[in-house]
Protein backbone atom coordinates (compact mmCIF):
# COMPACT_ATOMS: atom_id res chain seq x y z
CA MET A 1 53.99 74.71 9.65
CA LYS A 2 53.79 78.29 10.86
CA ILE A 3 56.80 79.95 12.45
CA LYS A 4 54.84 80.56 15.66
CA ASP A 5 54.51 76.77 16.03
CA ILE A 6 58.28 76.17 15.97
CA ALA A 7 60.03 76.04 19.34
CA LYS A 8 63.41 74.70 20.43
CA ALA A 9 64.21 73.11 17.08
CA ILE A 10 67.51 71.61 15.97
CA LEU A 11 69.13 73.11 12.88
CA ILE A 12 70.84 70.68 10.52
CA TRP A 13 73.61 71.99 8.26
CA GLY A 14 75.34 69.73 5.73
CA ALA A 15 74.68 66.10 4.83
CA VAL A 16 73.27 64.19 7.81
CA SER A 17 75.21 61.09 8.84
CA GLU A 18 74.07 57.95 10.66
CA ASP A 19 75.43 59.45 13.89
CA GLY A 20 73.31 62.54 13.26
CA ILE A 21 70.21 60.43 12.64
CA ASN A 22 70.76 58.66 15.96
CA ARG A 23 71.14 61.98 17.81
CA LEU A 24 67.96 63.35 16.23
CA LYS A 25 66.03 60.20 17.17
CA GLU A 26 67.23 60.43 20.78
CA ASP A 27 66.38 64.12 21.03
CA LYS A 28 62.92 63.85 19.41
CA ALA A 29 62.92 67.59 18.66
CA LEU A 30 61.75 69.18 15.44
CA ALA A 31 64.61 69.41 12.91
CA ILE A 32 64.98 72.44 10.67
CA VAL A 33 66.29 71.44 7.25
CA PRO A 34 67.57 74.35 5.14
CA GLU A 35 67.89 73.84 1.41
CA ASN A 36 71.71 74.14 1.43
CA ARG A 37 71.99 75.88 -1.94
CA PRO A 38 73.39 75.40 -4.46
CA TYR A 39 73.65 71.65 -3.84
CA LEU A 40 70.13 71.36 -2.38
CA ILE A 41 71.40 68.78 0.12
CA GLY A 42 68.53 69.67 2.43
CA LEU A 43 65.89 68.94 -0.18
CA LYS A 44 67.49 66.12 -2.16
CA TYR A 45 69.25 64.26 0.66
CA ASN A 46 68.38 65.29 4.23
CA ALA A 47 64.61 65.65 3.87
CA CYS A 48 64.31 62.22 2.21
CA LEU A 49 66.50 60.58 4.85
CA LEU A 50 64.66 62.17 7.78
CA LYS A 51 61.29 61.23 6.30
CA ARG A 52 62.41 57.61 5.85
CA GLU A 53 63.62 57.57 9.49
CA ASN A 54 60.34 59.12 10.74
CA ILE A 55 62.09 62.18 12.17
CA ASN A 56 59.89 65.26 12.47
CA PHE A 57 61.27 68.14 10.35
CA VAL A 58 60.43 71.31 8.49
CA TYR A 59 62.14 72.46 5.31
CA CYS A 60 63.13 76.11 4.79
CA THR A 61 65.22 78.31 2.53
CA ASP A 62 68.73 79.26 3.61
CA ASN A 63 67.51 82.87 3.75
CA MET A 64 65.15 82.05 6.63
CA LEU A 65 67.94 81.07 9.03
CA GLY A 66 68.72 84.57 10.28
CA PHE A 67 65.04 85.15 11.05
CA LEU A 68 64.67 81.79 12.83
CA PHE A 69 67.73 82.54 14.98
CA TYR A 70 66.44 86.05 15.71
CA LYS A 71 63.07 84.66 16.81
CA ALA A 72 64.83 82.11 19.10
CA LYS A 73 63.36 79.10 17.28
CA ILE A 74 66.65 77.17 17.21
CA ARG A 75 68.19 75.67 20.36
CA LYS A 76 71.02 73.61 18.84
CA THR A 77 72.94 73.35 15.57
CA LEU A 78 74.19 70.07 14.15
CA PHE A 79 77.00 70.92 11.73
CA PHE A 80 77.99 68.06 9.41
CA TYR A 81 81.47 68.60 8.01
CA LYS A 82 83.22 67.03 5.01
CA GLU A 83 86.80 66.89 6.27
CA ARG A 84 88.76 67.52 9.47
CA LYS A 85 91.98 69.53 9.11
CA GLU A 86 94.60 70.89 11.49
CA LYS A 87 93.14 74.43 11.37
CA GLY A 88 89.47 73.41 11.49
CA VAL A 89 86.84 71.56 9.51
CA VAL A 90 85.73 71.84 5.90
CA GLY A 91 82.02 72.28 5.29
CA ILE A 92 79.75 73.02 2.37
CA CYS A 93 79.23 76.52 1.03
CA GLY A 94 77.47 78.67 3.64
CA SER A 95 78.90 76.85 6.66
CA LEU A 96 80.72 79.88 8.06
CA TYR A 97 77.56 82.00 7.73
CA MET A 98 75.47 79.44 9.59
CA LEU A 99 78.07 78.87 12.32
CA LEU A 100 78.54 82.60 12.91
CA LEU A 101 74.76 82.97 13.24
CA SER A 102 74.78 80.15 15.79
CA LYS A 103 77.56 81.84 17.78
CA LEU A 104 75.93 85.27 17.57
CA HIS A 105 72.75 83.85 19.10
CA ASN A 106 74.57 81.67 21.68
CA ILE A 107 73.33 78.43 20.15
CA PRO A 108 75.44 75.34 20.95
CA ILE A 109 77.08 73.71 17.93
CA GLU A 110 77.73 69.98 17.60
CA VAL A 111 80.35 69.12 14.98
CA ILE A 112 79.72 65.75 13.29
CA SER A 113 81.25 64.02 10.27
CA GLN A 114 78.83 64.18 7.32
CA GLY A 115 77.04 61.36 5.55
CA GLU A 116 78.09 59.94 2.20
CA VAL A 117 76.65 62.08 -0.58
CA ASN A 118 77.35 61.78 -4.29
CA PHE A 119 77.84 65.47 -5.07
CA ARG A 120 78.24 64.65 -8.76
CA PHE A 121 74.44 64.55 -9.11
CA LEU A 122 73.78 67.81 -7.26
CA ASP A 123 73.71 71.38 -8.57
CA LYS A 124 77.17 72.96 -8.52
CA ASP A 125 76.32 76.67 -8.66
CA VAL A 126 73.43 79.11 -8.56
CA SER A 127 72.80 79.01 -12.32
CA SER A 128 70.66 75.89 -11.99
CA LEU A 129 68.00 74.48 -9.73
CA GLY A 130 67.34 70.78 -9.73
CA GLY A 131 69.65 70.38 -12.72
CA LYS A 132 67.73 72.87 -14.86
CA SER A 133 69.58 76.00 -15.96
CA PHE A 134 67.55 79.15 -15.37
CA ILE A 135 69.99 82.06 -15.13
CA LEU A 136 72.39 81.78 -18.03
CA GLY A 137 73.14 79.57 -20.95
CA GLU A 138 75.46 76.69 -20.22
CA THR A 139 78.34 78.39 -22.05
CA ASP A 140 78.63 81.66 -20.08
CA LYS A 141 79.21 81.19 -16.38
CA SER A 142 81.88 83.86 -16.02
CA CYS A 143 79.60 86.05 -13.89
CA ILE A 144 78.81 83.33 -11.32
CA ILE A 145 80.64 83.00 -8.02
CA GLY A 146 81.41 79.35 -7.44
CA ALA A 147 80.09 77.52 -4.39
CA ASP A 148 83.33 76.35 -2.85
CA ASP A 149 83.69 74.37 0.34
CA GLU A 150 84.71 76.45 3.35
CA LEU A 151 87.37 75.87 5.98
CA VAL A 152 85.92 76.88 9.34
CA ASN A 153 88.65 77.56 11.90
CA TRP A 154 88.46 75.89 15.31
CA GLU A 155 88.10 79.34 16.97
CA VAL A 156 84.68 79.75 15.34
CA LEU A 157 83.55 76.41 16.75
CA GLN A 158 84.56 77.14 20.37
């Protein structure tokens, strides 16, 4: 799909839950599924689930999000969080970046509990892609920044 053909899409961030699937089915809008590196939740989990549920979607790299926001291609963000805490919600790596982009572009954010994902089988850092190491040998990961979950404060979500 070409970028010019995308209009008023819904951005999905994190592992889609059953509630999220129901909202996407009701809305019937095109869903944008970023890869969600390093875990590749978008590719390995969300894309498969949306395809099985016959939900129209396009897959993109995380790096495309800023451009898609800038071009006003996104009208709503569905943010799937891992855990609710007193100060906010915990999301996957990159959640704060995506939520700040949504706020910057005045895109409404819906906060939804994520689906059940077995993270044990997903990539843990940027040294591998699809389980295959391509940056460093398995023994030297001292120069890699880990992909930790992020606590997003409630102020960001208001």
